[in-house]
Amino acid sequence: MARIILTAQVENSAKWETMFRTHGELLRSMGTSVTYFATNDDNEVALYAEPPNLDHWFAILKSPDTAAAMAVDGVKRETVKVFVLDKEFRY
């Protein structure tokens, strides 16, 4: 299973969280049933998900529906960064 971290700057993190919580159907369409996230006072957000299919997840991320949702949420689209956690360090 893949592990994804997505970060972005938003216009207002409190508004973003309220609106983000309305996108359950869109997030389920990405193949996930839970997304972990955090916000901070600098209007930055970080999300963590474990999608079963990376290609499908990225296709939905790049879709017009996701772009529209991000616009409503106040995501500064040019700041979105995605990290696929593909390395491991056990100690």
PDB file of N, CA and C in Angstrom:
ATOM      1  N   MET A   1       0.841  -1.185   0.000  1.00  0.00           N
ATOM      2  CA  MET A   1       0.000   0.000   0.000  1.00  0.00           C
ATOM      3  C   MET A   1       0.881   1.241   0.000  1.00  0.00           C
ATOM      4  N   ALA A   2       0.523   2.186  -0.828  1.00  0.00           N
ATOM      5  CA  ALA A   2       1.260   3.440  -0.924  1.00  0.00           C
ATOM      6  C   ALA A   2       0.937   4.339   0.261  1.00  0.00           C
ATOM      7  N   ARG A   3       1.873   5.210   0.547  1.00  0.00           N
ATOM      8  CA  ARG A   3       1.667   6.221   1.582  1.00  0.00           C
ATOM      9  C   ARG A   3       1.954   7.577   0.961  1.00  0.00           C
ATOM     10  N   ILE A   4       1.022   8.500   1.143  1.00  0.00           N
ATOM     11  CA  ILE A   4       1.092   9.820   0.511  1.00  0.00           C
ATOM     12  C   ILE A   4       1.047  10.904   1.577  1.00  0.00           C
ATOM     13  N   ILE A   5       1.893  11.917   1.403  1.00  0.00           N
ATOM     14  CA  ILE A   5       1.772  13.147   2.169  1.00  0.00           C
ATOM     15  C   ILE A   5       1.568  14.268   1.162  1.00  0.00           C
ATOM     16  N   LEU A   6       0.546  15.075   1.398  1.00  0.00           N
ATOM     17  CA  LEU A   6       0.270  16.243   0.559  1.00  0.00           C
ATOM     18  C   LEU A   6       0.321  17.459   1.468  1.00  0.00           C
ATOM     19  N   THR A   7       1.038  18.484   1.032  1.00  0.00           N
ATOM     20  CA  THR A   7       1.097  19.734   1.794  1.00  0.00           C
ATOM     21  C   THR A   7       0.638  20.876   0.891  1.00  0.00           C
ATOM     22  N   ALA A   8       0.137  21.928   1.514  1.00  0.00           N
ATOM     23  CA  ALA A   8      -0.293  23.109   0.751  1.00  0.00           C
ATOM     24  C   ALA A   8      -0.459  24.293   1.688  1.00  0.00           C
ATOM     25  N   GLN A   9      -0.441  25.460   1.107  1.00  0.00           N
ATOM     26  CA  GLN A   9      -0.814  26.677   1.815  1.00  0.00           C
ATOM     27  C   GLN A   9      -2.265  26.972   1.457  1.00  0.00           C
ATOM     28  N   VAL A  10      -2.998  27.476   2.431  1.00  0.00           N
ATOM     29  CA  VAL A  10      -4.409  27.797   2.230  1.00  0.00           C
ATOM     30  C   VAL A  10      -4.660  29.226   2.682  1.00  0.00           C
ATOM     31  N   GLU A  11      -5.773  29.780   2.234  1.00  0.00           N
ATOM     32  CA  GLU A  11      -6.101  31.149   2.616  1.00  0.00           C
ATOM     33  C   GLU A  11      -6.429  31.262   4.094  1.00  0.00           C
ATOM     34  N   ASN A  12      -7.125  30.270   4.629  1.00  0.00           N
ATOM     35  CA  ASN A  12      -7.529  30.293   6.030  1.00  0.00           C
ATOM     36  C   ASN A  12      -7.678  28.837   6.488  1.00  0.00           C
ATOM     37  N   SER A  13      -6.843  28.399   7.412  1.00  0.00           N
ATOM     38  CA  SER A  13      -6.838  26.982   7.788  1.00  0.00           C
ATOM     39  C   SER A  13      -8.127  26.547   8.478  1.00  0.00           C
ATOM     40  N   ALA A  14      -8.770  27.436   9.229  1.00  0.00           N
ATOM     41  CA  ALA A  14     -10.038  27.061   9.873  1.00  0.00           C
ATOM     42  C   ALA A  14     -11.123  26.847   8.823  1.00  0.00           C
ATOM     43  N   LYS A  15     -11.216  27.765   7.855  1.00  0.00           N
ATOM     44  CA  LYS A  15     -12.184  27.605   6.768  1.00  0.00           C
ATOM     45  C   LYS A  15     -11.858  26.358   5.965  1.00  0.00           C
ATOM     46  N   TRP A  16     -10.564  26.149   5.673  1.00  0.00           N
ATOM     47  CA  TRP A  16     -10.164  24.978   4.902  1.00  0.00           C
ATOM     48  C   TRP A  16     -10.662  23.709   5.577  1.00  0.00           C
ATOM     49  N   GLU A  17     -10.430  23.574   6.888  1.00  0.00           N
ATOM     50  CA  GLU A  17     -10.843  22.347   7.581  1.00  0.00           C
ATOM     51  C   GLU A  17     -12.348  22.133   7.496  1.00  0.00           C
ATOM     52  N   THR A  18     -13.107  23.187   7.697  1.00  0.00           N
ATOM     53  CA  THR A  18     -14.567  23.076   7.619  1.00  0.00           C
ATOM     54  C   THR A  18     -14.991  22.579   6.238  1.00  0.00           C
ATOM     55  N   MET A  19     -14.436  23.170   5.206  1.00  0.00           N
ATOM     56  CA  MET A  19     -14.806  22.781   3.846  1.00  0.00           C
ATOM     57  C   MET A  19     -14.250  21.403   3.488  1.00  0.00           C
ATOM     58  N   PHE A  20     -13.024  21.094   3.911  1.00  0.00           N
ATOM     59  CA  PHE A  20     -12.414  19.798   3.621  1.00  0.00           C
ATOM     60  C   PHE A  20     -13.294  18.662   4.131  1.00  0.00           C
ATOM     61  N   ARG A  21     -13.886  18.850   5.276  1.00  0.00           N
ATOM     62  CA  ARG A  21     -14.729  17.817   5.878  1.00  0.00           C
ATOM     63  C   ARG A  21     -16.019  17.561   5.092  1.00  0.00           C
ATOM     64  N   THR A  22     -16.293  18.368   4.077  1.00  0.00           N
ATOM     65  CA  THR A  22     -17.480  18.133   3.246  1.00  0.00           C
ATOM     66  C   THR A  22     -17.168  17.288   2.011  1.00  0.00           C
ATOM     67  N   HIS A  23     -15.922  16.887   1.843  1.00  0.00           N
ATOM     68  CA  HIS A  23     -15.504  16.210   0.612  1.00  0.00           C
ATOM     69  C   HIS A  23     -15.329  14.697   0.767  1.00  0.00           C
ATOM     70  N   GLY A  24     -16.081  14.082   1.663  1.00  0.00           N
ATOM     71  CA  GLY A  24     -15.959  12.643   1.884  1.00  0.00           C
ATOM     72  C   GLY A  24     -16.156  11.820   0.626  1.00  0.00           C
ATOM     73  N   GLU A  25     -17.139  12.165  -0.173  1.00  0.00           N
ATOM     74  CA  GLU A  25     -17.420  11.400  -1.399  1.00  0.00           C
ATOM     75  C   GLU A  25     -16.245  11.492  -2.372  1.00  0.00           C
ATOM     76  N   LEU A  26     -15.694  12.677  -2.543  1.00  0.00           N
ATOM     77  CA  LEU A  26     -14.551  12.860  -3.435  1.00  0.00           C
ATOM     78  C   LEU A  26     -13.349  12.060  -2.937  1.00  0.00           C
ATOM     79  N   LEU A  27     -13.101  12.128  -1.639  1.00  0.00           N
ATOM     80  CA  LEU A  27     -11.960  11.392  -1.072  1.00  0.00           C
ATOM     81  C   LEU A  27     -12.163   9.887  -1.196  1.00  0.00           C
ATOM     82  N   ARG A  28     -13.382   9.411  -0.979  1.00  0.00           N
ATOM     83  CA  ARG A  28     -13.659   7.977  -1.161  1.00  0.00           C
ATOM     84  C   ARG A  28     -13.420   7.555  -2.606  1.00  0.00           C
ATOM     85  N   SER A  29     -13.702   8.438  -3.551  1.00  0.00           N
ATOM     86  CA  SER A  29     -13.486   8.108  -4.962  1.00  0.00           C
ATOM     87  C   SER A  29     -12.003   7.901  -5.267  1.00  0.00           C
ATOM     88  N   MET A  30     -11.133   8.397  -4.390  1.00  0.00           N
ATOM     89  CA  MET A  30      -9.689   8.203  -4.548  1.00  0.00           C
ATOM     90  C   MET A  30      -9.252   6.838  -4.038  1.00  0.00           C
ATOM     91  N   GLY A  31     -10.189   6.100  -3.443  1.00  0.00           N
ATOM     92  CA  GLY A  31      -9.894   4.756  -2.966  1.00  0.00           C
ATOM     93  C   GLY A  31      -9.531   4.690  -1.499  1.00  0.00           C
ATOM     94  N   THR A  32      -9.718   5.779  -0.771  1.00  0.00           N
ATOM     95  CA  THR A  32      -9.363   5.801   0.644  1.00  0.00           C
ATOM     96  C   THR A  32     -10.612   5.965   1.501  1.00  0.00           C
ATOM     97  N   SER A  33     -10.489   5.572   2.766  1.00  0.00           N
ATOM     98  CA  SER A  33     -11.613   5.748   3.689  1.00  0.00           C
ATOM     99  C   SER A  33     -11.233   6.604   4.888  1.00  0.00           C
ATOM    100  N   VAL A  34      -9.966   6.960   4.986  1.00  0.00           N
ATOM    101  CA  VAL A  34      -9.523   7.859   6.053  1.00  0.00           C
ATOM    102  C   VAL A  34      -8.354   8.696   5.525  1.00  0.00           C
ATOM    103  N   THR A  35      -8.357   9.968   5.882  1.00  0.00           N
ATOM    104  CA  THR A  35      -7.246  10.864   5.594  1.00  0.00           C
ATOM    105  C   THR A  35      -6.889  11.553   6.903  1.00  0.00           C
ATOM    106  N   TYR A  36      -5.635  11.463   7.278  1.00  0.00           N
ATOM    107  CA  TYR A  36      -5.146  12.146   8.478  1.00  0.00           C
ATOM    108  C   TYR A  36      -4.638  13.507   8.031  1.00  0.00           C
ATOM    109  N   PHE A  37      -4.875  14.539   8.843  1.00  0.00           N
ATOM    110  CA  PHE A  37      -4.426  15.861   8.437  1.00  0.00           C
ATOM    111  C   PHE A  37      -4.108  16.721   9.650  1.00  0.00           C
ATOM    112  N   ALA A  38      -3.370  17.789   9.377  1.00  0.00           N
ATOM    113  CA  ALA A  38      -3.023  18.771  10.403  1.00  0.00           C
ATOM    114  C   ALA A  38      -3.004  20.143   9.742  1.00  0.00           C
ATOM    115  N   THR A  39      -3.263  21.156  10.548  1.00  0.00           N
ATOM    116  CA  THR A  39      -3.164  22.545  10.100  1.00  0.00           C
ATOM    117  C   THR A  39      -2.301  23.297  11.100  1.00  0.00           C
ATOM    118  N   ASN A  40      -1.833  24.465  10.684  1.00  0.00           N
ATOM    119  CA  ASN A  40      -1.109  25.295  11.645  1.00  0.00           C
ATOM    120  C   ASN A  40      -1.540  26.744  11.511  1.00  0.00           C
ATOM    121  N   ASP A  41      -1.010  27.583  12.378  1.00  0.00           N
ATOM    122  CA  ASP A  41      -1.394  29.001  12.409  1.00  0.00           C
ATOM    123  C   ASP A  41      -0.856  29.783  11.213  1.00  0.00           C
ATOM    124  N   ASP A  42       0.038  29.185  10.440  1.00  0.00           N
ATOM    125  CA  ASP A  42       0.580  29.839   9.246  1.00  0.00           C
ATOM    126  C   ASP A  42      -0.225  29.490   7.994  1.00  0.00           C
ATOM    127  N   ASN A  43      -1.426  28.938   8.190  1.00  0.00           N
ATOM    128  CA  ASN A  43      -2.303  28.561   7.080  1.00  0.00           C
ATOM    129  C   ASN A  43      -1.648  27.547   6.146  1.00  0.00           C
ATOM    130  N   GLU A  44      -1.020  26.560   6.763  1.00  0.00           N
ATOM    131  CA  GLU A  44      -0.450  25.433   6.036  1.00  0.00           C
ATOM    132  C   GLU A  44      -1.199  24.177   6.463  1.00  0.00           C
ATOM    133  N   VAL A  45      -1.370  23.265   5.517  1.00  0.00           N
ATOM    134  CA  VAL A  45      -2.044  22.007   5.819  1.00  0.00           C
ATOM    135  C   VAL A  45      -1.169  20.856   5.340  1.00  0.00           C
ATOM    136  N   ALA A  46      -1.311  19.728   6.016  1.00  0.00           N
ATOM    137  CA  ALA A  46      -0.631  18.496   5.620  1.00  0.00           C
ATOM    138  C   ALA A  46      -1.638  17.361   5.729  1.00  0.00           C
ATOM    139  N   LEU A  47      -1.665  16.510   4.711  1.00  0.00           N
ATOM    140  CA  LEU A  47      -2.570  15.367   4.687  1.00  0.00           C
ATOM    141  C   LEU A  47      -1.761  14.093   4.491  1.00  0.00           C
ATOM    142  N   TYR A  48      -2.246  13.017   5.086  1.00  0.00           N
ATOM    143  CA  TYR A  48      -1.619  11.704   4.933  1.00  0.00           C
ATOM    144  C   TYR A  48      -2.702  10.715   4.547  1.00  0.00           C
ATOM    145  N   ALA A  49      -2.447   9.920   3.523  1.00  0.00           N
ATOM    146  CA  ALA A  49      -3.404   8.899   3.093  1.00  0.00           C
ATOM    147  C   ALA A  49      -2.646   7.672   2.600  1.00  0.00           C
ATOM    148  N   GLU A  50      -3.351   6.567   2.568  1.00  0.00           N
ATOM    149  CA  GLU A  50      -2.786   5.304   2.089  1.00  0.00           C
ATOM    150  C   GLU A  50      -3.664   4.760   0.962  1.00  0.00           C
ATOM    151  N   PRO A  51      -3.544   5.333  -0.226  1.00  0.00           N
ATOM    152  CA  PRO A  51      -4.380   4.875  -1.337  1.00  0.00           C
ATOM    153  C   PRO A  51      -3.917   3.511  -1.850  1.00  0.00           C
ATOM    154  N   PRO A  52      -4.868   2.657  -2.232  1.00  0.00           N
ATOM    155  CA  PRO A  52      -4.502   1.342  -2.741  1.00  0.00           C
ATOM    156  C   PRO A  52      -3.943   1.383  -4.165  1.00  0.00           C
ATOM    157  N   ASN A  53      -4.215   2.464  -4.898  1.00  0.00           N
ATOM    158  CA  ASN A  53      -3.768   2.554  -6.284  1.00  0.00           C
ATOM    159  C   ASN A  53      -3.282   3.981  -6.547  1.00  0.00           C
ATOM    160  N   LEU A  54      -1.967   4.144  -6.674  1.00  0.00           N
ATOM    161  CA  LEU A  54      -1.388   5.480  -6.858  1.00  0.00           C
ATOM    162  C   LEU A  54      -1.854   6.154  -8.142  1.00  0.00           C
ATOM    163  N   ASP A  55      -1.884   5.420  -9.248  1.00  0.00           N
ATOM    164  CA  ASP A  55      -2.288   6.017 -10.515  1.00  0.00           C
ATOM    165  C   ASP A  55      -3.703   6.579 -10.424  1.00  0.00           C
ATOM    166  N   HIS A  56      -4.599   5.807  -9.824  1.00  0.00           N
ATOM    167  CA  HIS A  56      -5.982   6.261  -9.665  1.00  0.00           C
ATOM    168  C   HIS A  56      -6.037   7.484  -8.744  1.00  0.00           C
ATOM    169  N   TRP A  57      -5.302   7.451  -7.641  1.00  0.00           N
ATOM    170  CA  TRP A  57      -5.286   8.564  -6.687  1.00  0.00           C
ATOM    171  C   TRP A  57      -4.828   9.846  -7.386  1.00  0.00           C
ATOM    172  N   PHE A  58      -3.729   9.753  -8.161  1.00  0.00           N
ATOM    173  CA  PHE A  58      -3.222  10.933  -8.859  1.00  0.00           C
ATOM    174  C   PHE A  58      -4.193  11.403  -9.938  1.00  0.00           C
ATOM    175  N   ALA A  59      -4.874  10.491 -10.605  1.00  0.00           N
ATOM    176  CA  ALA A  59      -5.856  10.883 -11.615  1.00  0.00           C
ATOM    177  C   ALA A  59      -6.983  11.706 -10.986  1.00  0.00           C
ATOM    178  N   ILE A  60      -7.465  11.273  -9.834  1.00  0.00           N
ATOM    179  CA  ILE A  60      -8.517  12.033  -9.143  1.00  0.00           C
ATOM    180  C   ILE A  60      -7.964  13.359  -8.633  1.00  0.00           C
ATOM    181  N   LEU A  61      -6.740  13.359  -8.113  1.00  0.00           N
ATOM    182  CA  LEU A  61      -6.130  14.602  -7.629  1.00  0.00           C
ATOM    183  C   LEU A  61      -6.071  15.648  -8.736  1.00  0.00           C
ATOM    184  N   LYS A  62      -5.796  15.212  -9.962  1.00  0.00           N
ATOM    185  CA  LYS A  62      -5.656  16.136 -11.090  1.00  0.00           C
ATOM    186  C   LYS A  62      -6.983  16.446 -11.782  1.00  0.00           C
ATOM    187  N   SER A  63      -8.071  15.901 -11.282  1.00  0.00           N
ATOM    188  CA  SER A  63      -9.372  16.046 -11.940  1.00  0.00           C
ATOM    189  C   SER A  63      -9.977  17.439 -11.721  1.00  0.00           C
ATOM    190  N   PRO A  64     -10.899  17.833 -12.609  1.00  0.00           N
ATOM    191  CA  PRO A  64     -11.612  19.104 -12.421  1.00  0.00           C
ATOM    192  C   PRO A  64     -12.406  19.155 -11.111  1.00  0.00           C
ATOM    193  N   ASP A  65     -12.955  18.015 -10.674  1.00  0.00           N
ATOM    194  CA  ASP A  65     -13.706  17.994  -9.410  1.00  0.00           C
ATOM    195  C   ASP A  65     -12.803  18.355  -8.230  1.00  0.00           C
ATOM    196  N   THR A  66     -11.584  17.821  -8.230  1.00  0.00           N
ATOM    197  CA  THR A  66     -10.652  18.137  -7.144  1.00  0.00           C
ATOM    198  C   THR A  66     -10.208  19.591  -7.232  1.00  0.00           C
ATOM    199  N   ALA A  67      -9.961  20.081  -8.431  1.00  0.00           N
ATOM    200  CA  ALA A  67      -9.581  21.492  -8.597  1.00  0.00           C
ATOM    201  C   ALA A  67     -10.684  22.409  -8.073  1.00  0.00           C
ATOM    202  N   ALA A  68     -11.935  22.064  -8.362  1.00  0.00           N
ATOM    203  CA  ALA A  68     -13.060  22.876  -7.886  1.00  0.00           C
ATOM    204  C   ALA A  68     -13.157  22.832  -6.366  1.00  0.00           C
ATOM    205  N   ALA A  69     -12.980  21.634  -5.787  1.00  0.00           N
ATOM    206  CA  ALA A  69     -13.035  21.505  -4.330  1.00  0.00           C
ATOM    207  C   ALA A  69     -11.926  22.319  -3.677  1.00  0.00           C
ATOM    208  N   MET A  70     -10.722  22.252  -4.230  1.00  0.00           N
ATOM    209  CA  MET A  70      -9.607  23.013  -3.668  1.00  0.00           C
ATOM    210  C   MET A  70      -9.861  24.513  -3.755  1.00  0.00           C
ATOM    211  N   ALA A  71     -10.469  24.956  -4.845  1.00  0.00           N
ATOM    212  CA  ALA A  71     -10.765  26.385  -4.994  1.00  0.00           C
ATOM    213  C   ALA A  71     -11.746  26.849  -3.930  1.00  0.00           C
ATOM    214  N   VAL A  72     -12.792  26.065  -3.694  1.00  0.00           N
ATOM    215  CA  VAL A  72     -13.775  26.402  -2.660  1.00  0.00           C
ATOM    216  C   VAL A  72     -13.127  26.411  -1.283  1.00  0.00           C
ATOM    217  N   ASP A  73     -12.187  25.491  -1.063  1.00  0.00           N
ATOM    218  CA  ASP A  73     -11.523  25.366   0.232  1.00  0.00           C
ATOM    219  C   ASP A  73     -10.474  26.449   0.478  1.00  0.00           C
ATOM    220  N   GLY A  74     -10.101  27.185  -0.557  1.00  0.00           N
ATOM    221  CA  GLY A  74      -9.086  28.221  -0.404  1.00  0.00           C
ATOM    222  C   GLY A  74      -7.668  27.699  -0.489  1.00  0.00           C
ATOM    223  N   VAL A  75      -7.475  26.572  -1.187  1.00  0.00           N
ATOM    224  CA  VAL A  75      -6.124  26.031  -1.363  1.00  0.00           C
ATOM    225  C   VAL A  75      -5.395  26.863  -2.419  1.00  0.00           C
ATOM    226  N   LYS A  76      -4.174  27.252  -2.105  1.00  0.00           N
ATOM    227  CA  LYS A  76      -3.323  27.933  -3.076  1.00  0.00           C
ATOM    228  C   LYS A  76      -2.681  26.847  -3.928  1.00  0.00           C
ATOM    229  N   ARG A  77      -3.316  26.552  -5.030  1.00  0.00           N
ATOM    230  CA  ARG A  77      -2.998  25.374  -5.851  1.00  0.00           C
ATOM    231  C   ARG A  77      -1.510  25.282  -6.213  1.00  0.00           C
ATOM    232  N   GLU A  78      -0.867  26.414  -6.448  1.00  0.00           N
ATOM    233  CA  GLU A  78       0.542  26.412  -6.841  1.00  0.00           C
ATOM    234  C   GLU A  78       1.465  25.964  -5.710  1.00  0.00           C
ATOM    235  N   THR A  79       0.948  25.878  -4.489  1.00  0.00           N
ATOM    236  CA  THR A  79       1.779  25.468  -3.346  1.00  0.00           C
ATOM    237  C   THR A  79       1.633  23.981  -3.009  1.00  0.00           C
ATOM    238  N   VAL A  80       0.735  23.299  -3.707  1.00  0.00           N
ATOM    239  CA  VAL A  80       0.494  21.878  -3.405  1.00  0.00           C
ATOM    240  C   VAL A  80       1.741  21.067  -3.731  1.00  0.00           C
ATOM    241  N   LYS A  81       2.160  20.260  -2.757  1.00  0.00           N
ATOM    242  CA  LYS A  81       3.288  19.337  -2.939  1.00  0.00           C
ATOM    243  C   LYS A  81       2.825  17.955  -2.503  1.00  0.00           C
ATOM    244  N   VAL A  82       3.207  16.947  -3.277  1.00  0.00           N
ATOM    245  CA  VAL A  82       2.861  15.570  -2.949  1.00  0.00           C
ATOM    246  C   VAL A  82       4.147  14.775  -2.791  1.00  0.00           C
ATOM    247  N   PHE A  83       4.199  14.016  -1.709  1.00  0.00           N
ATOM    248  CA  PHE A  83       5.325  13.131  -1.445  1.00  0.00           C
ATOM    249  C   PHE A  83       4.796  11.706  -1.372  1.00  0.00           C
ATOM    250  N   VAL A  84       5.391  10.823  -2.148  1.00  0.00           N
ATOM    251  CA  VAL A  84       5.091   9.400  -2.037  1.00  0.00           C
ATOM    252  C   VAL A  84       6.177   8.818  -1.143  1.00  0.00           C
ATOM    253  N   LEU A  85       5.766   8.309   0.007  1.00  0.00           N
ATOM    254  CA  LEU A  85       6.731   7.767   0.964  1.00  0.00           C
ATOM    255  C   LEU A  85       7.162   6.388   0.465  1.00  0.00           C
ATOM    256  N   ASP A  86       8.322   6.358  -0.189  1.00  0.00           N
ATOM    257  CA  ASP A  86       8.796   5.121  -0.803  1.00  0.00           C
ATOM    258  C   ASP A  86      10.105   4.619  -0.195  1.00  0.00           C
ATOM    259  N   LYS A  87      10.496   5.240   0.898  1.00  0.00           N
ATOM    260  CA  LYS A  87      11.718   4.812   1.584  1.00  0.00           C
ATOM    261  C   LYS A  87      11.382   4.521   3.039  1.00  0.00           C
ATOM    262  N   GLU A  88      12.196   3.695   3.637  1.00  0.00           N
ATOM    263  CA  GLU A  88      11.947   3.305   5.024  1.00  0.00           C
ATOM    264  C   GLU A  88      13.271   3.236   5.771  1.00  0.00           C
ATOM    265  N   PHE A  89      13.237   3.620   7.027  1.00  0.00           N
ATOM    266  CA  PHE A  89      14.404   3.538   7.899  1.00  0.00           C
ATOM    267  C   PHE A  89      13.957   2.907   9.204  1.00  0.00           C
ATOM    268  N   ARG A  90      14.319   1.676   9.401  1.00  0.00           N
ATOM    269  CA  ARG A  90      13.994   0.988  10.659  1.00  0.00           C
ATOM    270  C   ARG A  90      15.218   1.048  11.556  1.00  0.00           C
ATOM    271  N   TYR A  91      14.987   1.254  12.816  1.00  0.00           N
ATOM    272  CA  TYR A  91      16.102   1.347  13.767  1.00  0.00           C
ATOM    273  C   TYR A  91      15.730   0.754  15.093  1.00  0.00           C
TER     274      TYR A  91
END
